[in-house]
Every structure is written in structure tokens, then in C-alpha cells.
Amino acid sequence: MRVLILGGTGEARRLAAELVGNPRLSVVSSLAGRVRAPVPPPGEVRVGGFGGVAGLLDYLRAERITAVIDATHPFAATMSASAAAATAQLGIPLLVLRRPGWSPSDGDDWHWVPTLTAAASALPGLGRRVFLTTGRGGLAAFAGLDEHWFLVRSVDPPEPPTPKRMCPLLARGPFTLDGERALLREHRIDVLVTKDSGGEMTAAKLRAAAELGIPVLIQSRPPLPAGLPVRTTVAGATRWLAATLNP
């Protein structure tokens, strides 16, 4: 039985580690290839896009895929939509593995926005020294805010167009509360912009912002394709797979 994991996340790597030792399964993890030096999951790995729904259909047929687990980043909406469309056409079971999103606590000053463009529009009323942790893509939304200064953290160098007044910071999580607190103070940050990625690897910045009274602009997750089963843990995904392949 051949299982395709659409991955790149920590959950995808842990899921691959759980499954590759099963002699009844052949597991392949697919990475988008957007990160230059990704942490590879165990087992067979392919890198690069499929070429939309048509390309994914060809791959699923050629590789005789039995089940697909979408463990991509919560904001990889295009890949999730393609996976839903292709597996539906072929009648292949599909599960979405998504870590829970973040929730504010008492005292948090969070402002939810649907897009990065909306975040850029809201910035002038919240602060001028911005800690931007939305990844290297999408910075065009902030490129016209010349009166703002940006500390931009990403794994790989930012892609232009970028803000005029910008300091890039290349780093990969997990990040600590002490480290995030020191970073916010060192750069005199007065507003944080991020996405609702969820998980503990990058959550410390939110706690540090709350301690220092810094407002947070947070982009909401895009909706998942309707009607798909969803699990929030690797254990839940493995149980779904066992039940699906052994009804």
C-alpha cells in the first residue's frame, strides 16, 4: 500500500517517521521545494510541484497511490485544493493533518486580518517598528510603507519586492521566550505581524509580545476544502490511515 504525504511541516516529518517502519506500507513524502535546505523526512522523498491538479492526477496514477495525507503548511491553500480535487476524481482517501491554530489569552492585543494586504493597511494605526514573521514571500504587501521599519525573519532570504527600510534575519525555529523577548527589546519593536501557523515552534513570539504590551496583527488561516476528514495529531493521522486501509 503506497501512501503519499504532502509535507514540509514538522508533523509531516514525524508522520513519515511513524510510517516508514511499517512493512505493509510504502511511504513517499513530497516537499514543495520552496525552502533551500529543508529538513528531510525519513524514507523516500520527492521535491517540487506537481503542476496543478492534472500533474497530481498523473502522479497518483503512475505511483499507484493508495492514500494521501495532506500535512502541508496551514497556508498552502493551493496544494490542499489540488489534493482534494485530484483524490476525489480518483476515489483515493484523503486526510488533512493540521496542527491547531493559536488562540489569544486574556490581555493579548490581537487583531485578526484575512490577508497580508489587510495587515499592511492596519499597520499605520498600531506601530512603526514591525517584526514581520510571515515568511519570505508576500512582502510586496508592505513594500510601500516607507515610514515603517521592518525586522523580517525567514528561513531563506526575502524575495523582492520588499520594504524599503528592512533588516532581514535568517533563522529557523524553534524559538525561545527569552530569545524572542530580547529580540523585541533590542530592535524596539512596537507591532508584530504573523500568520496563524499554530504549534509551539514559533509561539514564543506571541507570549513575548503579550509580556511587552505589543499588539499583534495575525492573518487568519484560509478555509480547507469542504467535507474532508481532519486530524490534529500524528497519532490521530496514523489511526485514520490504519482504519482506512484496513476497514
C-alpha atoms as a PDB file:
ATOM      1  CA  MET A   1       0.000   0.000   0.000  1.00  0.00           C
ATOM      2  CA  ARG A   2       1.590   3.262  -1.134  1.00  0.00           C
ATOM      3  CA  VAL A   3       0.962   6.391   0.931  1.00  0.00           C
ATOM      4  CA  LEU A   4       1.747   9.943  -0.210  1.00  0.00           C
ATOM      5  CA  ILE A   5       2.460  12.539   2.488  1.00  0.00           C
ATOM      6  CA  LEU A   6       2.224  16.126   1.279  1.00  0.00           C
ATOM      7  CA  GLY A   7       4.614  17.667   3.723  1.00  0.00           C
ATOM      8  CA  GLY A   8       7.313  20.074   4.715  1.00  0.00           C
ATOM      9  CA  THR A   9       5.954  20.572   8.240  1.00  0.00           C
ATOM     10  CA  GLY A  10       7.177  19.054  11.472  1.00  0.00           C
ATOM     11  CA  GLU A  11       4.007  16.985  11.638  1.00  0.00           C
ATOM     12  CA  ALA A  12       4.731  15.562   8.178  1.00  0.00           C
ATOM     13  CA  ARG A  13       8.249  14.517   9.219  1.00  0.00           C
ATOM     14  CA  ARG A  14       7.003  12.873  12.406  1.00  0.00           C
ATOM     15  CA  LEU A  15       4.265  11.080  10.484  1.00  0.00           C
ATOM     16  CA  ALA A  16       6.779   9.756   7.947  1.00  0.00           C
ATOM     17  CA  ALA A  17       8.948   8.501  10.821  1.00  0.00           C
ATOM     18  CA  GLU A  18       5.953   6.643  12.240  1.00  0.00           C
ATOM     19  CA  LEU A  19       5.020   5.008   8.937  1.00  0.00           C
ATOM     20  CA  VAL A  20       8.288   4.132   7.174  1.00  0.00           C
ATOM     21  CA  GLY A  21       8.943   1.189   9.502  1.00  0.00           C
ATOM     22  CA  ASN A  22       5.642  -0.494   8.626  1.00  0.00           C
ATOM     23  CA  PRO A  23       6.443  -3.358   6.226  1.00  0.00           C
ATOM     24  CA  ARG A  24       2.937  -3.151   4.719  1.00  0.00           C
ATOM     25  CA  LEU A  25       3.420   0.452   3.622  1.00  0.00           C
ATOM     26  CA  SER A  26       5.488   2.228   1.001  1.00  0.00           C
ATOM     27  CA  VAL A  27       5.698   5.883   2.043  1.00  0.00           C
ATOM     28  CA  VAL A  28       6.780   8.861  -0.053  1.00  0.00           C
ATOM     29  CA  SER A  29       6.966  12.438   1.271  1.00  0.00           C
ATOM     30  CA  SER A  30       6.537  15.315  -1.154  1.00  0.00           C
ATOM     31  CA  LEU A  31       8.181  18.690  -0.469  1.00  0.00           C
ATOM     32  CA  ALA A  32       7.300  21.826  -2.415  1.00  0.00           C
ATOM     33  CA  GLY A  33      10.958  22.837  -2.767  1.00  0.00           C
ATOM     34  CA  ARG A  34      10.470  26.434  -1.675  1.00  0.00           C
ATOM     35  CA  VAL A  35      12.933  26.167   1.216  1.00  0.00           C
ATOM     36  CA  ARG A  36      16.532  25.878   0.015  1.00  0.00           C
ATOM     37  CA  ALA A  37      17.725  23.450   2.687  1.00  0.00           C
ATOM     38  CA  PRO A  38      14.655  21.697   4.115  1.00  0.00           C
ATOM     39  CA  VAL A  39      14.898  19.229   6.968  1.00  0.00           C
ATOM     40  CA  PRO A  40      14.328  15.952   5.103  1.00  0.00           C
ATOM     41  CA  PRO A  41      11.804  13.436   6.412  1.00  0.00           C
ATOM     42  CA  PRO A  42      12.820   9.789   6.713  1.00  0.00           C
ATOM     43  CA  GLY A  43      12.110   7.487   3.804  1.00  0.00           C
ATOM     44  CA  GLU A  44      11.502   8.257   0.139  1.00  0.00           C
ATOM     45  CA  VAL A  45      11.291  11.962  -0.743  1.00  0.00           C
ATOM     46  CA  ARG A  46      10.296  13.871  -3.881  1.00  0.00           C
ATOM     47  CA  VAL A  47      10.882  17.609  -4.246  1.00  0.00           C
ATOM     48  CA  GLY A  48       8.995  20.071  -6.423  1.00  0.00           C
ATOM     49  CA  GLY A  49       5.473  20.904  -7.518  1.00  0.00           C
ATOM     50  CA  PHE A  50       3.142  18.556  -9.391  1.00  0.00           C
ATOM     51  CA  GLY A  51       1.884  21.002 -12.000  1.00  0.00           C
ATOM     52  CA  GLY A  52      -1.606  21.585 -10.656  1.00  0.00           C
ATOM     53  CA  VAL A  53      -4.455  19.097 -10.471  1.00  0.00           C
ATOM     54  CA  ALA A  54      -3.597  17.480 -13.810  1.00  0.00           C
ATOM     55  CA  GLY A  55       0.006  16.829 -12.795  1.00  0.00           C
ATOM     56  CA  LEU A  56      -1.039  15.439  -9.435  1.00  0.00           C
ATOM     57  CA  LEU A  57      -3.547  13.128 -11.124  1.00  0.00           C
ATOM     58  CA  ASP A  58      -0.773  11.766 -13.348  1.00  0.00           C
ATOM     59  CA  TYR A  59       1.493  11.217 -10.347  1.00  0.00           C
ATOM     60  CA  LEU A  60      -1.151   9.451  -8.271  1.00  0.00           C
ATOM     61  CA  ARG A  61      -1.934   7.096 -11.152  1.00  0.00           C
ATOM     62  CA  ALA A  62       1.681   6.406 -12.075  1.00  0.00           C
ATOM     63  CA  GLU A  63       2.742   5.752  -8.478  1.00  0.00           C
ATOM     64  CA  ARG A  64      -0.387   3.722  -7.650  1.00  0.00           C
ATOM     65  CA  ILE A  65      -1.018   5.801  -4.534  1.00  0.00           C
ATOM     66  CA  THR A  66      -3.421   4.160  -2.081  1.00  0.00           C
ATOM     67  CA  ALA A  67      -3.974   7.080   0.315  1.00  0.00           C
ATOM     68  CA  VAL A  68      -2.915  10.715   0.651  1.00  0.00           C
ATOM     69  CA  ILE A  69      -2.277  12.699   3.825  1.00  0.00           C
ATOM     70  CA  ASP A  70      -2.144  16.469   3.382  1.00  0.00           C
ATOM     71  CA  ALA A  71       0.269  17.626   6.089  1.00  0.00           C
ATOM     72  CA  THR A  72       1.248  20.855   4.350  1.00  0.00           C
ATOM     73  CA  HIS A  73       1.518  24.267   5.998  1.00  0.00           C
ATOM     74  CA  PRO A  74      -1.864  25.718   7.048  1.00  0.00           C
ATOM     75  CA  PHE A  75      -1.430  28.455   4.415  1.00  0.00           C
ATOM     76  CA  ALA A  76      -0.641  26.099   1.496  1.00  0.00           C
ATOM     77  CA  ALA A  77      -4.185  26.548   0.210  1.00  0.00           C
ATOM     78  CA  THR A  78      -3.401  25.857  -3.461  1.00  0.00           C
ATOM     79  CA  MET A  79      -1.801  22.488  -2.726  1.00  0.00           C
ATOM     80  CA  SER A  80      -4.653  21.493  -0.418  1.00  0.00           C
ATOM     81  CA  ALA A  81      -7.221  22.374  -3.078  1.00  0.00           C
ATOM     82  CA  SER A  82      -5.325  20.392  -5.732  1.00  0.00           C
ATOM     83  CA  ALA A  83      -5.068  17.378  -3.428  1.00  0.00           C
ATOM     84  CA  ALA A  84      -8.802  17.474  -2.720  1.00  0.00           C
ATOM     85  CA  ALA A  85      -9.709  17.722  -6.401  1.00  0.00           C
ATOM     86  CA  ALA A  86      -7.303  15.007  -7.606  1.00  0.00           C
ATOM     87  CA  THR A  87      -8.108  12.438  -4.926  1.00  0.00           C
ATOM     88  CA  ALA A  88     -11.848  12.994  -5.406  1.00  0.00           C
ATOM     89  CA  GLN A  89     -11.540  12.232  -9.124  1.00  0.00           C
ATOM     90  CA  LEU A  90      -9.648   9.011  -8.451  1.00  0.00           C
ATOM     91  CA  GLY A  91     -11.540   7.914  -5.354  1.00  0.00           C
ATOM     92  CA  ILE A  92      -8.379   7.925  -3.221  1.00  0.00           C
ATOM     93  CA  PRO A  93      -8.846   8.533   0.541  1.00  0.00           C
ATOM     94  CA  LEU A  94      -7.501  11.923   1.680  1.00  0.00           C
ATOM     95  CA  LEU A  95      -6.857  13.135   5.215  1.00  0.00           C
ATOM     96  CA  VAL A  96      -5.833  16.618   6.309  1.00  0.00           C
ATOM     97  CA  LEU A  97      -3.315  16.718   9.166  1.00  0.00           C
ATOM     98  CA  ARG A  98      -3.299  20.233  10.658  1.00  0.00           C
ATOM     99  CA  ARG A  99      -1.916  21.432  13.957  1.00  0.00           C
ATOM    100  CA  PRO A 100      -4.430  23.573  15.895  1.00  0.00           C
ATOM    101  CA  GLY A 101      -4.296  27.305  15.348  1.00  0.00           C
ATOM    102  CA  TRP A 102      -3.375  29.814  18.032  1.00  0.00           C
ATOM    103  CA  SER A 103      -5.932  31.339  20.397  1.00  0.00           C
ATOM    104  CA  PRO A 104      -5.490  34.602  22.304  1.00  0.00           C
ATOM    105  CA  SER A 105      -5.362  34.673  26.087  1.00  0.00           C
ATOM    106  CA  ASP A 106      -6.633  37.373  28.425  1.00  0.00           C
ATOM    107  CA  GLY A 107      -4.566  40.502  27.911  1.00  0.00           C
ATOM    108  CA  ASP A 108      -3.425  39.676  24.365  1.00  0.00           C
ATOM    109  CA  ASP A 109      -3.863  42.543  21.910  1.00  0.00           C
ATOM    110  CA  TRP A 110      -4.557  40.579  18.729  1.00  0.00           C
ATOM    111  CA  HIS A 111      -6.021  41.963  15.528  1.00  0.00           C
ATOM    112  CA  TRP A 112      -7.189  39.341  13.014  1.00  0.00           C
ATOM    113  CA  VAL A 113      -6.878  40.110   9.289  1.00  0.00           C
ATOM    114  CA  PRO A 114      -7.820  37.997   6.248  1.00  0.00           C
ATOM    115  CA  THR A 115      -4.800  38.881   4.094  1.00  0.00           C
ATOM    116  CA  LEU A 116      -1.335  40.417   4.296  1.00  0.00           C
ATOM    117  CA  THR A 117      -2.670  43.369   2.309  1.00  0.00           C
ATOM    118  CA  ALA A 118      -5.175  43.966   5.098  1.00  0.00           C
ATOM    119  CA  ALA A 119      -2.357  43.690   7.638  1.00  0.00           C
ATOM    120  CA  ALA A 120      -0.375  46.351   5.783  1.00  0.00           C
ATOM    121  CA  SER A 121      -3.400  48.652   5.752  1.00  0.00           C
ATOM    122  CA  ALA A 122      -3.849  48.241   9.514  1.00  0.00           C
ATOM    123  CA  LEU A 123      -0.201  48.860  10.433  1.00  0.00           C
ATOM    124  CA  PRO A 124      -0.178  52.696  10.497  1.00  0.00           C
ATOM    125  CA  GLY A 125      -2.608  52.734  13.420  1.00  0.00           C
ATOM    126  CA  LEU A 126      -0.652  50.243  15.508  1.00  0.00           C
ATOM    127  CA  GLY A 127       3.079  50.912  15.228  1.00  0.00           C
ATOM    128  CA  ARG A 128       6.091  51.877  13.148  1.00  0.00           C
ATOM    129  CA  ARG A 129       8.766  49.298  14.054  1.00  0.00           C
ATOM    130  CA  VAL A 130       7.480  45.984  12.770  1.00  0.00           C
ATOM    131  CA  PHE A 131       8.543  42.407  13.472  1.00  0.00           C
ATOM    132  CA  LEU A 132       7.378  40.608  10.323  1.00  0.00           C
ATOM    133  CA  THR A 133       7.267  36.795  10.557  1.00  0.00           C
ATOM    134  CA  THR A 134       5.098  35.860   7.586  1.00  0.00           C
ATOM    135  CA  GLY A 135       7.820  34.141   5.532  1.00  0.00           C
ATOM    136  CA  ARG A 136       9.981  35.394   2.698  1.00  0.00           C
ATOM    137  CA  GLY A 137       7.088  35.604   0.239  1.00  0.00           C
ATOM    138  CA  GLY A 138       4.283  38.126   0.403  1.00  0.00           C
ATOM    139  CA  LEU A 139       6.465  41.075   1.379  1.00  0.00           C
ATOM    140  CA  ALA A 140       5.163  43.074  -1.582  1.00  0.00           C
ATOM    141  CA  ALA A 141       2.130  43.958   0.542  1.00  0.00           C
ATOM    142  CA  PHE A 142       4.407  46.001   2.819  1.00  0.00           C
ATOM    143  CA  ALA A 143       6.762  47.415   0.163  1.00  0.00           C
ATOM    144  CA  GLY A 144       5.010  50.791   0.010  1.00  0.00           C
ATOM    145  CA  LEU A 145       5.164  51.540   3.754  1.00  0.00           C
ATOM    146  CA  ASP A 146       8.263  53.753   3.641  1.00  0.00           C
ATOM    147  CA  GLU A 147       7.631  55.280   7.071  1.00  0.00           C
ATOM    148  CA  HIS A 148       7.812  51.877   8.753  1.00  0.00           C
ATOM    149  CA  TRP A 149      10.910  49.880   9.685  1.00  0.00           C
ATOM    150  CA  PHE A 150      10.758  46.082   9.358  1.00  0.00           C
ATOM    151  CA  LEU A 151      12.639  43.266  11.004  1.00  0.00           C
ATOM    152  CA  VAL A 152      11.879  40.406   8.584  1.00  0.00           C
ATOM    153  CA  ARG A 153      12.576  36.884   9.839  1.00  0.00           C
ATOM    154  CA  SER A 154      12.580  33.947   7.425  1.00  0.00           C
ATOM    155  CA  VAL A 155      14.449  30.721   6.774  1.00  0.00           C
ATOM    156  CA  ASP A 156      15.686  31.878   3.354  1.00  0.00           C
ATOM    157  CA  PRO A 157      16.462  35.421   2.102  1.00  0.00           C
ATOM    158  CA  PRO A 158      13.352  37.554   1.424  1.00  0.00           C
ATOM    159  CA  GLU A 159      12.030  37.758  -2.109  1.00  0.00           C
ATOM    160  CA  PRO A 160      11.576  41.200  -3.717  1.00  0.00           C
ATOM    161  CA  PRO A 161       9.728  43.473  -3.771  1.00  0.00           C
ATOM    162  CA  THR A 162      10.484  44.166  -0.129  1.00  0.00           C
ATOM    163  CA  PRO A 163      10.002  47.117   2.250  1.00  0.00           C
ATOM    164  CA  LYS A 164      12.463  49.960   1.726  1.00  0.00           C
ATOM    165  CA  ARG A 165      13.552  50.067   5.378  1.00  0.00           C
ATOM    166  CA  MET A 166      14.169  46.431   6.206  1.00  0.00           C
ATOM    167  CA  CYS A 167      16.557  44.314   8.263  1.00  0.00           C
ATOM    168  CA  PRO A 168      16.497  40.621   7.216  1.00  0.00           C
ATOM    169  CA  LEU A 169      17.012  37.991   9.911  1.00  0.00           C
ATOM    170  CA  LEU A 170      17.599  34.439   8.665  1.00  0.00           C
ATOM    171  CA  ALA A 171      16.633  31.895  11.313  1.00  0.00           C
ATOM    172  CA  ARG A 172      14.795  28.608  11.734  1.00  0.00           C
ATOM    173  CA  GLY A 173      12.705  27.699  14.799  1.00  0.00           C
ATOM    174  CA  PRO A 174      12.082  26.611  17.420  1.00  0.00           C
ATOM    175  CA  PHE A 175      12.491  29.934  19.222  1.00  0.00           C
ATOM    176  CA  THR A 176      12.617  30.506  22.969  1.00  0.00           C
ATOM    177  CA  LEU A 177      10.689  33.006  25.056  1.00  0.00           C
ATOM    178  CA  ASP A 178      13.908  34.584  26.358  1.00  0.00           C
ATOM    179  CA  GLY A 179      15.257  34.921  22.845  1.00  0.00           C
ATOM    180  CA  GLU A 180      12.072  36.459  21.451  1.00  0.00           C
ATOM    181  CA  ARG A 181      11.776  38.856  24.368  1.00  0.00           C
ATOM    182  CA  ALA A 182      15.352  40.036  23.851  1.00  0.00           C
ATOM    183  CA  LEU A 183      14.812  40.405  20.099  1.00  0.00           C
ATOM    184  CA  LEU A 184      11.742  42.609  20.547  1.00  0.00           C
ATOM    185  CA  ARG A 185      13.553  44.824  23.028  1.00  0.00           C
ATOM    186  CA  GLU A 186      16.792  45.061  21.030  1.00  0.00           C
ATOM    187  CA  HIS A 187      15.005  46.268  17.909  1.00  0.00           C
ATOM    188  CA  ARG A 188      12.425  48.379  19.787  1.00  0.00           C
ATOM    189  CA  ILE A 189       9.563  46.531  18.087  1.00  0.00           C
ATOM    190  CA  ASP A 190       6.127  48.057  18.659  1.00  0.00           C
ATOM    191  CA  VAL A 191       3.966  45.755  16.479  1.00  0.00           C
ATOM    192  CA  LEU A 192       4.184  42.087  15.436  1.00  0.00           C
ATOM    193  CA  VAL A 193       2.782  40.748  12.150  1.00  0.00           C
ATOM    194  CA  THR A 194       2.418  36.992  11.724  1.00  0.00           C
ATOM    195  CA  LYS A 195       0.237  34.184  10.358  1.00  0.00           C
ATOM    196  CA  ASP A 196      -1.843  31.729  12.363  1.00  0.00           C
ATOM    197  CA  SER A 197       0.587  28.878  11.768  1.00  0.00           C
ATOM    198  CA  GLY A 198      -0.074  27.276  15.137  1.00  0.00           C
ATOM    199  CA  GLY A 199       2.285  24.997  17.038  1.00  0.00           C
ATOM    200  CA  GLU A 200       4.909  25.616  19.687  1.00  0.00           C
ATOM    201  CA  MET A 201       7.972  26.105  17.458  1.00  0.00           C
ATOM    202  CA  THR A 202       7.162  29.765  16.804  1.00  0.00           C
ATOM    203  CA  ALA A 203       4.615  30.579  19.533  1.00  0.00           C
ATOM    204  CA  ALA A 204       7.126  32.215  21.888  1.00  0.00           C
ATOM    205  CA  LYS A 205       6.962  35.494  19.955  1.00  0.00           C
ATOM    206  CA  LEU A 206       3.277  35.789  20.860  1.00  0.00           C
ATOM    207  CA  ARG A 207       3.970  35.322  24.567  1.00  0.00           C
ATOM    208  CA  ALA A 208       6.849  37.805  24.406  1.00  0.00           C
ATOM    209  CA  ALA A 209       4.636  40.364  22.652  1.00  0.00           C
ATOM    210  CA  ALA A 210       1.968  39.951  25.328  1.00  0.00           C
ATOM    211  CA  GLU A 211       4.516  40.493  28.108  1.00  0.00           C
ATOM    212  CA  LEU A 212       5.770  43.690  26.493  1.00  0.00           C
ATOM    213  CA  GLY A 213       2.315  45.027  25.578  1.00  0.00           C
ATOM    214  CA  ILE A 214       2.951  44.791  21.837  1.00  0.00           C
ATOM    215  CA  PRO A 215      -0.083  44.470  19.533  1.00  0.00           C
ATOM    216  CA  VAL A 216      -0.209  41.560  17.081  1.00  0.00           C
ATOM    217  CA  LEU A 217      -1.630  41.559  13.564  1.00  0.00           C
ATOM    218  CA  ILE A 218      -2.390  37.926  12.731  1.00  0.00           C
ATOM    219  CA  GLN A 219      -3.561  36.564   9.401  1.00  0.00           C
ATOM    220  CA  SER A 220      -6.384  34.034   9.648  1.00  0.00           C
ATOM    221  CA  ARG A 221      -5.998  30.638   8.028  1.00  0.00           C
ATOM    222  CA  PRO A 222      -7.603  30.034   4.632  1.00  0.00           C
ATOM    223  CA  PRO A 223     -10.527  27.593   4.756  1.00  0.00           C
ATOM    224  CA  LEU A 224      -9.933  23.941   3.940  1.00  0.00           C
ATOM    225  CA  PRO A 225     -11.817  22.235   1.111  1.00  0.00           C
ATOM    226  CA  ALA A 226     -15.209  21.179   2.427  1.00  0.00           C
ATOM    227  CA  GLY A 227     -16.030  17.693   3.605  1.00  0.00           C
ATOM    228  CA  LEU A 228     -12.529  16.375   4.308  1.00  0.00           C
ATOM    229  CA  PRO A 229     -11.608  14.431   7.457  1.00  0.00           C
ATOM    230  CA  VAL A 230      -9.167  16.390   9.633  1.00  0.00           C
ATOM    231  CA  ARG A 231      -6.834  15.241  12.399  1.00  0.00           C
ATOM    232  CA  THR A 232      -4.696  17.500  14.570  1.00  0.00           C
ATOM    233  CA  THR A 233      -2.069  14.995  15.740  1.00  0.00           C
ATOM    234  CA  VAL A 234       0.256  12.448  14.167  1.00  0.00           C
ATOM    235  CA  ALA A 235      -1.319   9.731  16.329  1.00  0.00           C
ATOM    236  CA  GLY A 236      -4.741  10.650  15.002  1.00  0.00           C
ATOM    237  CA  ALA A 237      -3.462  10.502  11.426  1.00  0.00           C
ATOM    238  CA  THR A 238      -1.937   7.043  11.905  1.00  0.00           C
ATOM    239  CA  ARG A 239      -5.191   5.740  13.374  1.00  0.00           C
ATOM    240  CA  TRP A 240      -7.135   7.160  10.415  1.00  0.00           C
ATOM    241  CA  LEU A 241      -4.732   5.518   7.986  1.00  0.00           C
ATOM    242  CA  ALA A 242      -4.995   2.133   9.728  1.00  0.00           C
ATOM    243  CA  ALA A 243      -8.799   2.299   9.715  1.00  0.00           C
ATOM    244  CA  THR A 244      -8.902   3.446   6.095  1.00  0.00           C
ATOM    245  CA  LEU A 245      -6.557   0.782   4.729  1.00  0.00           C
ATOM    246  CA  ASN A 246      -7.990  -1.958   6.967  1.00  0.00           C
ATOM    247  CA  PRO A 247     -11.743  -1.294   7.170  1.00  0.00           C
END
